[in-house]
Amino acid sequence: MKTFQITKEQISKIYACSNSGWLNEKLKEWWPEAFNTELQVGNWYKSKSNNIAFYQGEGVLTFGINELRGWIESPNWFNEFNITKHNCRPATKDEVRTALIAEAKRRGIKSGSCLKTPKNFGNGKFSDGLFLKRDSEFEFDWNDLRIRSATIEGSAAVIFKDGVWAEIIQEKEVTMEEISEKFGVPLLGLKIVNNSKS
C-alpha cells in the first residue's frame, strides 16, 4: 500500500469545504490531532455552534458573540457557551466582520445614530457626541469596527475597539418651553420648522 502525506491545513480545508457528514467524521477519526486547536492569544475563534470569541488567554476576560445570547464577556469563555479548544477553529476575517456588524445592528448602531465613544477610540472631538451620517457603511479591521464616512468631514468613526462598544445617546424630545428658557426667547417668537427629509 502506498503512503501519502497530508498537512493539518489540507485536512482543515477538506473539512471546511465538505458537505458530507460521513467524510468529516472520518477525517476526525483518522487525524484527531488535526482538530485540536492550539489557541493563540489575540485571535478570533469560531465554534461549531457559531459562537465567535476573541481569545486573550486562560482566566483573562475574553469577549465574543454567542449566537443565542448576543455579546458575552467572561474569563471562562472557552469553558462555557459551547466553545472549547476542541470544537473551534480560527475565525475568518469575514466571519468576525459579519458577527460584529450583526451585533452593532442588534445594539441599534446605524446610520443616523448619535454615539458616545471612549477617548481611546480615536474619534477626537466627536467622542462625546458623534452623529453618524445617513448612508454610512461599516468597515472592519482585525479588532475594531468603524463606520466609513460617518462624520460631516467624511472621516470614519470607530464604534467597537478591543471589546468595548460605543454607547448610543438616546435622543430627547425638547419642548418649546425648554427652548424658550434655554435661549431666552419668548414662546410667542418661536415657530416649529421641519427640515427633515421624508
N, C-alpha and C. Protein backbone atom coordinates (compact mmCIF):
# COMPACT_ATOMS: atom_id res chain seq x y z
N MET A 1 0.85 -1.18 0.00
CA MET A 1 0.00 0.00 0.00
C MET A 1 0.89 1.24 0.00
N LYS A 2 0.56 2.20 -0.85
CA LYS A 2 1.33 3.43 -0.96
C LYS A 2 0.93 4.39 0.15
N THR A 3 1.89 5.09 0.74
CA THR A 3 1.64 6.03 1.82
C THR A 3 1.70 7.46 1.27
N PHE A 4 0.75 8.28 1.72
CA PHE A 4 0.70 9.68 1.32
C PHE A 4 0.82 10.55 2.56
N GLN A 5 1.29 11.77 2.36
CA GLN A 5 1.36 12.73 3.47
C GLN A 5 0.31 13.81 3.24
N ILE A 6 -0.28 14.25 4.33
CA ILE A 6 -1.27 15.33 4.27
C ILE A 6 -1.01 16.26 5.44
N THR A 7 -1.15 17.56 5.20
CA THR A 7 -0.88 18.53 6.27
C THR A 7 -2.17 18.84 7.03
N LYS A 8 -2.01 19.44 8.20
CA LYS A 8 -3.15 19.85 9.02
C LYS A 8 -3.99 20.87 8.24
N GLU A 9 -3.32 21.77 7.52
CA GLU A 9 -4.03 22.78 6.74
C GLU A 9 -4.88 22.14 5.65
N GLN A 10 -4.33 21.10 4.99
CA GLN A 10 -5.10 20.41 3.95
C GLN A 10 -6.32 19.70 4.55
N ILE A 11 -6.13 19.07 5.69
CA ILE A 11 -7.26 18.41 6.36
C ILE A 11 -8.33 19.44 6.72
N SER A 12 -7.90 20.59 7.25
CA SER A 12 -8.84 21.65 7.63
C SER A 12 -9.61 22.16 6.42
N LYS A 13 -8.93 22.32 5.28
CA LYS A 13 -9.61 22.80 4.06
C LYS A 13 -10.64 21.79 3.57
N ILE A 14 -10.27 20.51 3.58
CA ILE A 14 -11.21 19.46 3.16
C ILE A 14 -12.43 19.48 4.08
N TYR A 15 -12.18 19.57 5.38
CA TYR A 15 -13.26 19.58 6.38
C TYR A 15 -14.19 20.78 6.16
N ALA A 16 -13.60 21.96 5.93
CA ALA A 16 -14.39 23.18 5.76
C ALA A 16 -15.21 23.15 4.48
N CYS A 17 -14.69 22.52 3.44
CA CYS A 17 -15.37 22.51 2.14
C CYS A 17 -16.35 21.35 1.97
N SER A 18 -16.25 20.37 2.84
CA SER A 18 -17.07 19.16 2.68
C SER A 18 -18.48 19.37 3.20
N ASN A 19 -19.44 18.89 2.43
CA ASN A 19 -20.83 18.87 2.88
C ASN A 19 -21.22 17.49 3.38
N SER A 20 -20.24 16.61 3.42
CA SER A 20 -20.50 15.23 3.81
C SER A 20 -20.21 15.01 5.28
N GLY A 21 -21.24 14.72 6.04
CA GLY A 21 -21.05 14.41 7.45
C GLY A 21 -20.18 13.19 7.64
N TRP A 22 -20.35 12.20 6.76
CA TRP A 22 -19.56 10.97 6.85
C TRP A 22 -18.08 11.28 6.67
N LEU A 23 -17.74 12.07 5.63
CA LEU A 23 -16.34 12.40 5.38
C LEU A 23 -15.74 13.17 6.55
N ASN A 24 -16.49 14.12 7.07
CA ASN A 24 -15.98 14.91 8.19
C ASN A 24 -15.74 14.05 9.43
N GLU A 25 -16.63 13.11 9.68
CA GLU A 25 -16.43 12.19 10.82
C GLU A 25 -15.19 11.32 10.60
N LYS A 26 -14.99 10.87 9.37
CA LYS A 26 -13.81 10.05 9.06
C LYS A 26 -12.52 10.86 9.23
N LEU A 27 -12.54 12.11 8.78
CA LEU A 27 -11.35 12.97 8.95
C LEU A 27 -11.00 13.09 10.43
N LYS A 28 -12.01 13.27 11.27
CA LYS A 28 -11.77 13.36 12.72
C LYS A 28 -11.27 12.04 13.28
N GLU A 29 -11.78 10.95 12.77
CA GLU A 29 -11.36 9.63 13.24
C GLU A 29 -9.92 9.33 12.82
N TRP A 30 -9.57 9.63 11.57
CA TRP A 30 -8.24 9.31 11.05
C TRP A 30 -7.16 10.25 11.58
N TRP A 31 -7.49 11.53 11.74
CA TRP A 31 -6.50 12.52 12.20
C TRP A 31 -7.06 13.37 13.34
N PRO A 32 -7.33 12.79 14.50
CA PRO A 32 -7.93 13.56 15.60
C PRO A 32 -7.07 14.73 16.04
N GLU A 33 -5.75 14.58 15.97
CA GLU A 33 -4.86 15.67 16.40
C GLU A 33 -4.97 16.89 15.49
N ALA A 34 -5.45 16.71 14.28
CA ALA A 34 -5.62 17.85 13.36
C ALA A 34 -6.76 18.76 13.81
N PHE A 35 -7.62 18.25 14.69
CA PHE A 35 -8.77 19.03 15.12
C PHE A 35 -8.61 19.64 16.51
N ASN A 36 -7.45 19.47 17.10
CA ASN A 36 -7.15 20.14 18.37
C ASN A 36 -6.54 21.49 18.05
N THR A 37 -7.29 22.53 18.31
CA THR A 37 -6.83 23.88 18.02
C THR A 37 -5.89 24.36 19.11
N GLU A 38 -4.74 24.84 18.70
CA GLU A 38 -3.83 25.49 19.65
C GLU A 38 -4.21 26.96 19.67
N LEU A 39 -4.83 27.38 20.75
CA LEU A 39 -5.34 28.74 20.83
C LEU A 39 -4.19 29.73 20.94
N GLN A 40 -4.26 30.76 20.12
CA GLN A 40 -3.27 31.83 20.12
C GLN A 40 -3.91 33.09 20.71
N VAL A 41 -3.25 33.68 21.69
CA VAL A 41 -3.74 34.92 22.29
C VAL A 41 -3.81 35.98 21.19
N GLY A 42 -4.91 36.73 21.19
CA GLY A 42 -5.08 37.81 20.22
C GLY A 42 -5.73 37.39 18.92
N ASN A 43 -6.36 36.22 18.89
CA ASN A 43 -7.04 35.75 17.68
C ASN A 43 -8.51 35.49 17.96
N TRP A 44 -9.30 35.61 16.90
CA TRP A 44 -10.72 35.29 16.95
C TRP A 44 -10.91 33.82 16.61
N TYR A 45 -11.86 33.16 17.29
CA TYR A 45 -12.16 31.75 17.04
C TYR A 45 -13.66 31.57 16.88
N LYS A 46 -14.03 30.56 16.09
CA LYS A 46 -15.45 30.25 15.86
C LYS A 46 -15.69 28.80 16.21
N SER A 47 -16.76 28.56 16.96
CA SER A 47 -17.11 27.18 17.34
C SER A 47 -18.09 26.60 16.33
N LYS A 48 -18.31 25.31 16.45
CA LYS A 48 -19.27 24.62 15.56
C LYS A 48 -20.68 25.15 15.77
N SER A 49 -20.96 25.68 16.96
CA SER A 49 -22.29 26.23 17.23
C SER A 49 -22.38 27.71 16.87
N ASN A 50 -21.42 28.19 16.06
CA ASN A 50 -21.40 29.56 15.52
C ASN A 50 -21.15 30.65 16.54
N ASN A 51 -20.58 30.31 17.70
CA ASN A 51 -20.14 31.34 18.64
C ASN A 51 -18.78 31.84 18.17
N ILE A 52 -18.53 33.13 18.35
CA ILE A 52 -17.24 33.71 17.97
C ILE A 52 -16.67 34.40 19.20
N ALA A 53 -15.38 34.14 19.47
CA ALA A 53 -14.75 34.73 20.66
C ALA A 53 -13.35 35.21 20.31
N PHE A 54 -12.94 36.29 20.99
CA PHE A 54 -11.58 36.82 20.87
C PHE A 54 -10.81 36.29 22.06
N TYR A 55 -9.85 35.44 21.82
CA TYR A 55 -9.11 34.76 22.89
C TYR A 55 -7.99 35.64 23.42
N GLN A 56 -7.99 35.86 24.75
CA GLN A 56 -6.96 36.68 25.38
C GLN A 56 -6.17 35.91 26.42
N GLY A 57 -6.36 34.60 26.48
CA GLY A 57 -5.61 33.77 27.43
C GLY A 57 -6.54 33.13 28.45
N GLU A 58 -6.04 32.08 29.10
CA GLU A 58 -6.83 31.38 30.12
C GLU A 58 -7.04 32.28 31.34
N GLY A 59 -8.27 32.35 31.82
CA GLY A 59 -8.59 33.13 33.01
C GLY A 59 -8.57 34.63 32.81
N VAL A 60 -8.40 35.08 31.57
CA VAL A 60 -8.38 36.51 31.26
C VAL A 60 -9.72 36.85 30.60
N LEU A 61 -10.24 38.03 30.88
CA LEU A 61 -11.51 38.43 30.30
C LEU A 61 -11.46 38.28 28.78
N THR A 62 -12.35 37.48 28.27
CA THR A 62 -12.46 37.24 26.83
C THR A 62 -13.84 37.69 26.41
N PHE A 63 -13.96 38.21 25.21
CA PHE A 63 -15.25 38.70 24.74
C PHE A 63 -15.60 38.04 23.42
N GLY A 64 -16.88 38.06 23.11
CA GLY A 64 -17.32 37.47 21.86
C GLY A 64 -18.82 37.51 21.72
N ILE A 65 -19.29 36.79 20.72
CA ILE A 65 -20.71 36.80 20.41
C ILE A 65 -21.25 35.38 20.46
N ASN A 66 -22.19 35.18 21.36
CA ASN A 66 -22.88 33.91 21.49
C ASN A 66 -24.11 33.99 20.60
N GLU A 67 -24.29 33.02 19.74
CA GLU A 67 -25.37 33.09 18.76
C GLU A 67 -26.74 33.27 19.41
N LEU A 68 -26.95 32.69 20.58
CA LEU A 68 -28.26 32.78 21.24
C LEU A 68 -28.38 33.98 22.17
N ARG A 69 -27.29 34.35 22.84
CA ARG A 69 -27.36 35.39 23.88
C ARG A 69 -26.80 36.74 23.46
N GLY A 70 -26.13 36.81 22.34
CA GLY A 70 -25.52 38.07 21.93
C GLY A 70 -24.15 38.24 22.56
N TRP A 71 -23.82 39.46 22.93
CA TRP A 71 -22.48 39.81 23.42
C TRP A 71 -22.20 39.15 24.76
N ILE A 72 -21.03 38.54 24.89
CA ILE A 72 -20.62 37.87 26.13
C ILE A 72 -19.22 38.34 26.51
N GLU A 73 -19.02 38.57 27.79
CA GLU A 73 -17.68 38.82 28.34
C GLU A 73 -17.51 37.90 29.53
N SER A 74 -16.43 37.13 29.54
CA SER A 74 -16.21 36.19 30.63
C SER A 74 -14.76 35.74 30.66
N PRO A 75 -14.19 35.53 31.86
CA PRO A 75 -12.84 34.95 31.92
C PRO A 75 -12.88 33.46 31.60
N ASN A 76 -14.07 32.88 31.56
CA ASN A 76 -14.22 31.44 31.31
C ASN A 76 -14.88 31.15 29.97
N TRP A 77 -14.77 32.07 29.04
CA TRP A 77 -15.47 31.93 27.77
C TRP A 77 -15.19 30.60 27.10
N PHE A 78 -13.97 30.14 27.18
CA PHE A 78 -13.61 28.93 26.45
C PHE A 78 -13.98 27.66 27.20
N ASN A 79 -14.63 27.79 28.32
CA ASN A 79 -15.11 26.62 29.05
C ASN A 79 -16.63 26.61 29.12
N GLU A 80 -17.23 27.69 28.69
CA GLU A 80 -18.69 27.84 28.72
C GLU A 80 -19.17 28.16 27.31
N PHE A 81 -20.46 28.33 27.17
CA PHE A 81 -21.07 28.83 25.94
C PHE A 81 -20.70 28.04 24.69
N ASN A 82 -20.52 26.73 24.82
CA ASN A 82 -20.29 25.85 23.67
C ASN A 82 -19.06 26.19 22.84
N ILE A 83 -18.03 26.70 23.45
CA ILE A 83 -16.79 26.91 22.71
C ILE A 83 -15.63 26.42 23.56
N THR A 84 -14.90 25.48 23.02
CA THR A 84 -13.71 24.94 23.68
C THR A 84 -12.62 24.79 22.63
N LYS A 85 -11.41 24.54 23.07
CA LYS A 85 -10.33 24.40 22.09
C LYS A 85 -10.50 23.14 21.24
N HIS A 86 -11.42 22.26 21.64
CA HIS A 86 -11.66 21.04 20.88
C HIS A 86 -12.76 21.19 19.83
N ASN A 87 -13.53 22.26 19.90
CA ASN A 87 -14.61 22.40 18.92
C ASN A 87 -14.57 23.74 18.19
N CYS A 88 -13.42 24.40 18.18
CA CYS A 88 -13.35 25.67 17.49
C CYS A 88 -12.19 25.69 16.50
N ARG A 89 -12.23 26.68 15.67
CA ARG A 89 -11.18 26.89 14.68
C ARG A 89 -10.97 28.40 14.56
N PRO A 90 -9.84 28.82 13.99
CA PRO A 90 -9.67 30.25 13.78
C PRO A 90 -10.79 30.80 12.90
N ALA A 91 -11.37 31.90 13.30
CA ALA A 91 -12.44 32.53 12.52
C ALA A 91 -11.82 33.33 11.38
N THR A 92 -12.53 33.40 10.28
CA THR A 92 -12.05 34.21 9.16
C THR A 92 -12.39 35.68 9.45
N LYS A 93 -11.70 36.57 8.79
CA LYS A 93 -11.95 38.00 8.96
C LYS A 93 -13.40 38.32 8.58
N ASP A 94 -13.90 37.69 7.53
CA ASP A 94 -15.27 37.94 7.09
C ASP A 94 -16.29 37.45 8.12
N GLU A 95 -16.02 36.31 8.76
CA GLU A 95 -16.93 35.79 9.80
C GLU A 95 -16.99 36.75 10.99
N VAL A 96 -15.84 37.27 11.38
CA VAL A 96 -15.80 38.21 12.51
C VAL A 96 -16.50 39.51 12.13
N ARG A 97 -16.22 40.01 10.94
CA ARG A 97 -16.84 41.24 10.46
C ARG A 97 -18.37 41.09 10.46
N THR A 98 -18.86 40.00 9.89
CA THR A 98 -20.30 39.75 9.82
C THR A 98 -20.92 39.69 11.22
N ALA A 99 -20.26 39.00 12.15
CA ALA A 99 -20.78 38.87 13.52
C ALA A 99 -20.79 40.22 14.23
N LEU A 100 -19.73 41.01 14.08
CA LEU A 100 -19.67 42.32 14.75
C LEU A 100 -20.70 43.29 14.17
N ILE A 101 -20.88 43.27 12.86
CA ILE A 101 -21.89 44.14 12.25
C ILE A 101 -23.28 43.75 12.74
N ALA A 102 -23.56 42.46 12.81
CA ALA A 102 -24.85 41.99 13.32
C ALA A 102 -25.04 42.44 14.76
N GLU A 103 -23.98 42.36 15.57
CA GLU A 103 -24.07 42.80 16.97
C GLU A 103 -24.28 44.31 17.05
N ALA A 104 -23.60 45.08 16.21
CA ALA A 104 -23.78 46.53 16.19
C ALA A 104 -25.23 46.88 15.86
N LYS A 105 -25.79 46.19 14.87
CA LYS A 105 -27.19 46.44 14.49
C LYS A 105 -28.13 46.01 15.61
N ARG A 106 -27.83 44.89 16.27
CA ARG A 106 -28.65 44.43 17.39
C ARG A 106 -28.67 45.48 18.50
N ARG A 107 -27.55 46.18 18.68
CA ARG A 107 -27.45 47.23 19.69
C ARG A 107 -28.12 48.53 19.24
N GLY A 108 -28.49 48.61 17.97
CA GLY A 108 -29.15 49.81 17.46
C GLY A 108 -28.20 50.81 16.83
N ILE A 109 -26.94 50.44 16.62
CA ILE A 109 -25.98 51.35 15.99
C ILE A 109 -26.19 51.29 14.48
N LYS A 110 -26.50 52.44 13.90
CA LYS A 110 -26.76 52.50 12.47
C LYS A 110 -26.57 53.94 12.00
N SER A 111 -26.63 54.14 10.70
CA SER A 111 -26.57 55.49 10.17
C SER A 111 -27.67 56.32 10.80
N GLY A 112 -27.32 57.53 11.20
CA GLY A 112 -28.29 58.40 11.84
C GLY A 112 -28.26 58.34 13.35
N SER A 113 -27.53 57.37 13.93
CA SER A 113 -27.41 57.27 15.39
C SER A 113 -26.49 58.37 15.92
N CYS A 114 -26.67 58.71 17.18
CA CYS A 114 -25.75 59.60 17.87
C CYS A 114 -25.06 58.75 18.93
N LEU A 115 -23.71 58.76 18.93
CA LEU A 115 -22.95 57.87 19.80
C LEU A 115 -21.99 58.61 20.71
N LYS A 116 -21.70 57.97 21.83
CA LYS A 116 -20.63 58.42 22.73
C LYS A 116 -19.58 57.32 22.69
N THR A 117 -18.33 57.70 22.46
CA THR A 117 -17.26 56.71 22.35
C THR A 117 -16.13 57.02 23.32
N PRO A 118 -15.45 56.00 23.84
CA PRO A 118 -14.29 56.25 24.70
C PRO A 118 -13.21 57.04 23.96
N LYS A 119 -12.45 57.84 24.70
CA LYS A 119 -11.40 58.68 24.10
C LYS A 119 -10.40 57.85 23.30
N ASN A 120 -10.07 56.63 23.78
CA ASN A 120 -9.05 55.84 23.09
C ASN A 120 -9.54 55.27 21.75
N PHE A 121 -10.78 55.53 21.38
CA PHE A 121 -11.27 55.09 20.08
C PHE A 121 -10.66 55.93 18.96
N GLY A 122 -10.15 57.10 19.29
CA GLY A 122 -9.53 57.95 18.27
C GLY A 122 -10.53 58.78 17.49
N ASN A 123 -11.71 59.01 18.04
CA ASN A 123 -12.71 59.82 17.34
C ASN A 123 -12.57 61.30 17.67
N GLY A 124 -11.54 61.67 18.41
CA GLY A 124 -11.22 63.06 18.69
C GLY A 124 -12.36 63.84 19.31
N LYS A 125 -12.62 65.02 18.74
CA LYS A 125 -13.63 65.92 19.31
C LYS A 125 -15.04 65.34 19.26
N PHE A 126 -15.23 64.26 18.51
CA PHE A 126 -16.56 63.68 18.39
C PHE A 126 -16.87 62.65 19.47
N SER A 127 -15.92 62.40 20.38
CA SER A 127 -16.10 61.34 21.37
C SER A 127 -17.37 61.49 22.20
N ASP A 128 -17.76 62.72 22.51
CA ASP A 128 -18.91 62.93 23.40
C ASP A 128 -20.24 63.05 22.68
N GLY A 129 -20.23 63.09 21.39
CA GLY A 129 -21.49 63.18 20.65
C GLY A 129 -21.24 63.03 19.17
N LEU A 130 -21.09 61.82 18.73
CA LEU A 130 -20.76 61.53 17.34
C LEU A 130 -22.05 61.20 16.61
N PHE A 131 -22.43 62.04 15.67
CA PHE A 131 -23.64 61.79 14.90
C PHE A 131 -23.24 61.10 13.61
N LEU A 132 -23.77 59.90 13.38
CA LEU A 132 -23.43 59.14 12.18
C LEU A 132 -24.31 59.58 11.01
N LYS A 133 -23.66 60.02 9.95
CA LYS A 133 -24.40 60.44 8.76
C LYS A 133 -25.22 59.28 8.22
N ARG A 134 -26.26 59.62 7.54
CA ARG A 134 -27.03 58.57 6.85
C ARG A 134 -26.14 58.03 5.73
N ASP A 135 -26.41 56.96 5.13
CA ASP A 135 -25.66 56.34 4.04
C ASP A 135 -24.21 56.00 4.39
N SER A 136 -23.90 55.82 5.66
CA SER A 136 -22.55 55.39 6.05
C SER A 136 -22.47 53.87 6.01
N GLU A 137 -21.26 53.33 5.78
CA GLU A 137 -21.08 51.88 5.69
C GLU A 137 -20.09 51.40 6.74
N PHE A 138 -20.24 50.14 7.15
CA PHE A 138 -19.32 49.53 8.11
C PHE A 138 -18.02 49.14 7.42
N GLU A 139 -16.91 49.27 8.16
CA GLU A 139 -15.64 48.70 7.71
C GLU A 139 -14.97 48.07 8.92
N PHE A 140 -14.19 47.05 8.69
CA PHE A 140 -13.65 46.25 9.78
C PHE A 140 -12.16 46.05 9.63
N ASP A 141 -11.44 46.24 10.75
CA ASP A 141 -10.05 45.86 10.85
C ASP A 141 -10.04 44.79 11.94
N TRP A 142 -8.97 44.08 12.14
CA TRP A 142 -8.99 42.87 12.96
C TRP A 142 -9.64 43.04 14.32
N ASN A 143 -9.49 44.16 14.99
CA ASN A 143 -10.10 44.29 16.31
C ASN A 143 -10.83 45.61 16.51
N ASP A 144 -11.21 46.24 15.42
CA ASP A 144 -12.12 47.38 15.57
C ASP A 144 -13.07 47.45 14.37
N LEU A 145 -14.24 48.00 14.66
CA LEU A 145 -15.28 48.15 13.66
C LEU A 145 -15.54 49.64 13.54
N ARG A 146 -15.57 50.13 12.32
CA ARG A 146 -15.78 51.55 12.06
C ARG A 146 -16.98 51.74 11.14
N ILE A 147 -17.47 52.95 11.14
CA ILE A 147 -18.46 53.32 10.14
C ILE A 147 -17.77 54.34 9.24
N ARG A 148 -17.61 53.97 7.97
CA ARG A 148 -16.90 54.79 7.00
C ARG A 148 -17.70 56.05 6.68
N SER A 149 -17.01 57.15 6.47
CA SER A 149 -17.62 58.44 6.12
C SER A 149 -18.73 58.81 7.09
N ALA A 150 -18.47 58.55 8.36
CA ALA A 150 -19.52 58.73 9.36
C ALA A 150 -19.74 60.18 9.74
N THR A 151 -18.68 60.97 9.76
CA THR A 151 -18.80 62.35 10.23
C THR A 151 -19.01 63.30 9.06
N ILE A 152 -19.39 64.51 9.38
CA ILE A 152 -19.62 65.52 8.35
C ILE A 152 -18.35 65.75 7.54
N GLU A 153 -17.18 65.65 8.20
CA GLU A 153 -15.91 65.82 7.50
C GLU A 153 -15.58 64.62 6.62
N GLY A 154 -16.33 63.53 6.76
CA GLY A 154 -16.10 62.35 5.94
C GLY A 154 -15.17 61.33 6.54
N SER A 155 -14.73 61.54 7.78
CA SER A 155 -13.82 60.57 8.39
C SER A 155 -14.60 59.41 8.99
N ALA A 156 -13.90 58.28 9.17
CA ALA A 156 -14.53 57.09 9.75
C ALA A 156 -14.65 57.27 11.26
N ALA A 157 -15.64 56.61 11.84
CA ALA A 157 -15.84 56.64 13.29
C ALA A 157 -15.70 55.23 13.83
N VAL A 158 -14.86 55.06 14.85
CA VAL A 158 -14.71 53.76 15.49
C VAL A 158 -15.90 53.54 16.41
N ILE A 159 -16.58 52.40 16.25
CA ILE A 159 -17.74 52.11 17.10
C ILE A 159 -17.50 50.89 17.99
N PHE A 160 -16.44 50.12 17.71
CA PHE A 160 -16.06 48.97 18.53
C PHE A 160 -14.54 48.85 18.49
N LYS A 161 -13.93 48.70 19.68
CA LYS A 161 -12.48 48.55 19.73
C LYS A 161 -12.11 47.75 20.96
N ASP A 162 -11.31 46.72 20.77
CA ASP A 162 -10.77 45.91 21.87
C ASP A 162 -11.83 45.47 22.87
N GLY A 163 -12.98 45.06 22.38
CA GLY A 163 -14.03 44.54 23.26
C GLY A 163 -14.96 45.58 23.84
N VAL A 164 -14.80 46.85 23.48
CA VAL A 164 -15.64 47.93 24.02
C VAL A 164 -16.48 48.51 22.88
N TRP A 165 -17.76 48.72 23.17
CA TRP A 165 -18.69 49.28 22.18
C TRP A 165 -18.99 50.74 22.48
N ALA A 166 -19.25 51.51 21.43
CA ALA A 166 -19.76 52.87 21.58
C ALA A 166 -21.16 52.77 22.19
N GLU A 167 -21.55 53.82 22.91
CA GLU A 167 -22.88 53.85 23.52
C GLU A 167 -23.79 54.75 22.69
N ILE A 168 -25.01 54.33 22.53
CA ILE A 168 -25.98 55.16 21.82
C ILE A 168 -26.49 56.23 22.77
N ILE A 169 -26.48 57.47 22.31
CA ILE A 169 -27.05 58.57 23.09
C ILE A 169 -28.51 58.67 22.65
N GLN A 170 -29.41 58.45 23.59
CA GLN A 170 -30.84 58.50 23.28
C GLN A 170 -31.26 59.94 23.03
N GLU A 171 -31.92 60.16 21.92
CA GLU A 171 -32.39 61.50 21.61
C GLU A 171 -33.54 61.85 22.55
N LYS A 172 -33.53 63.10 23.00
CA LYS A 172 -34.56 63.56 23.93
C LYS A 172 -35.43 64.59 23.21
N GLU A 173 -36.72 64.44 23.36
CA GLU A 173 -37.63 65.44 22.80
C GLU A 173 -37.53 66.71 23.62
N VAL A 174 -37.40 67.81 22.94
CA VAL A 174 -37.29 69.09 23.62
C VAL A 174 -38.60 69.85 23.41
N THR A 175 -39.12 70.40 24.50
CA THR A 175 -40.38 71.15 24.40
C THR A 175 -40.09 72.60 24.01
N MET A 176 -41.11 73.27 23.53
CA MET A 176 -40.99 74.69 23.18
C MET A 176 -40.61 75.51 24.42
N GLU A 177 -41.15 75.12 25.57
CA GLU A 177 -40.85 75.83 26.81
C GLU A 177 -39.36 75.71 27.15
N GLU A 178 -38.79 74.51 26.96
CA GLU A 178 -37.36 74.31 27.24
C GLU A 178 -36.49 75.14 26.30
N ILE A 179 -36.88 75.22 25.04
CA ILE A 179 -36.13 76.02 24.07
C ILE A 179 -36.20 77.49 24.46
N SER A 180 -37.40 77.94 24.81
CA SER A 180 -37.59 79.33 25.21
C SER A 180 -36.72 79.68 26.41
N GLU A 181 -36.71 78.79 27.41
CA GLU A 181 -35.93 79.03 28.62
C GLU A 181 -34.43 78.98 28.33
N LYS A 182 -33.99 78.00 27.58
CA LYS A 182 -32.56 77.80 27.31
C LYS A 182 -31.97 78.97 26.53
N PHE A 183 -32.71 79.46 25.51
CA PHE A 183 -32.17 80.50 24.64
C PHE A 183 -32.71 81.90 24.94
N GLY A 184 -33.56 82.01 25.96
CA GLY A 184 -34.07 83.32 26.36
C GLY A 184 -34.95 83.97 25.30
N VAL A 185 -35.68 83.15 24.57
CA VAL A 185 -36.56 83.66 23.51
C VAL A 185 -38.00 83.49 23.98
N PRO A 186 -38.83 84.53 23.82
CA PRO A 186 -40.23 84.38 24.24
C PRO A 186 -40.93 83.28 23.42
N LEU A 187 -41.83 82.57 24.08
CA LEU A 187 -42.56 81.49 23.42
C LEU A 187 -43.27 81.96 22.16
N LEU A 188 -43.82 83.18 22.20
CA LEU A 188 -44.56 83.69 21.05
C LEU A 188 -43.64 83.88 19.84
N GLY A 189 -42.34 84.05 20.07
CA GLY A 189 -41.41 84.26 18.96
C GLY A 189 -40.88 82.98 18.35
N LEU A 190 -41.31 81.84 18.86
CA LEU A 190 -40.81 80.56 18.36
C LEU A 190 -41.79 79.94 17.38
N LYS A 191 -41.26 79.33 16.34
CA LYS A 191 -42.12 78.55 15.45
C LYS A 191 -41.38 77.26 15.09
N ILE A 192 -42.12 76.23 14.83
CA ILE A 192 -41.54 74.92 14.50
C ILE A 192 -41.28 74.86 13.00
N VAL A 193 -40.05 74.49 12.67
CA VAL A 193 -39.67 74.31 11.27
C VAL A 193 -39.17 72.89 11.13
N ASN A 194 -39.71 72.15 10.19
CA ASN A 194 -39.30 70.77 9.98
C ASN A 194 -38.40 70.70 8.75
N ASN A 195 -37.09 70.50 9.01
CA ASN A 195 -36.12 70.41 7.91
C ASN A 195 -35.80 68.98 7.53
N SER A 196 -36.44 68.02 8.17
CA SER A 196 -36.11 66.61 7.88
C SER A 196 -36.64 66.23 6.51
N LYS A 197 -35.86 65.38 5.83
CA LYS A 197 -36.26 64.89 4.50
C LYS A 197 -37.06 63.62 4.67
N SER A 198 -38.17 63.53 4.02
CA SER A 198 -39.01 62.33 4.13
C SER A 198 -38.75 61.41 2.98
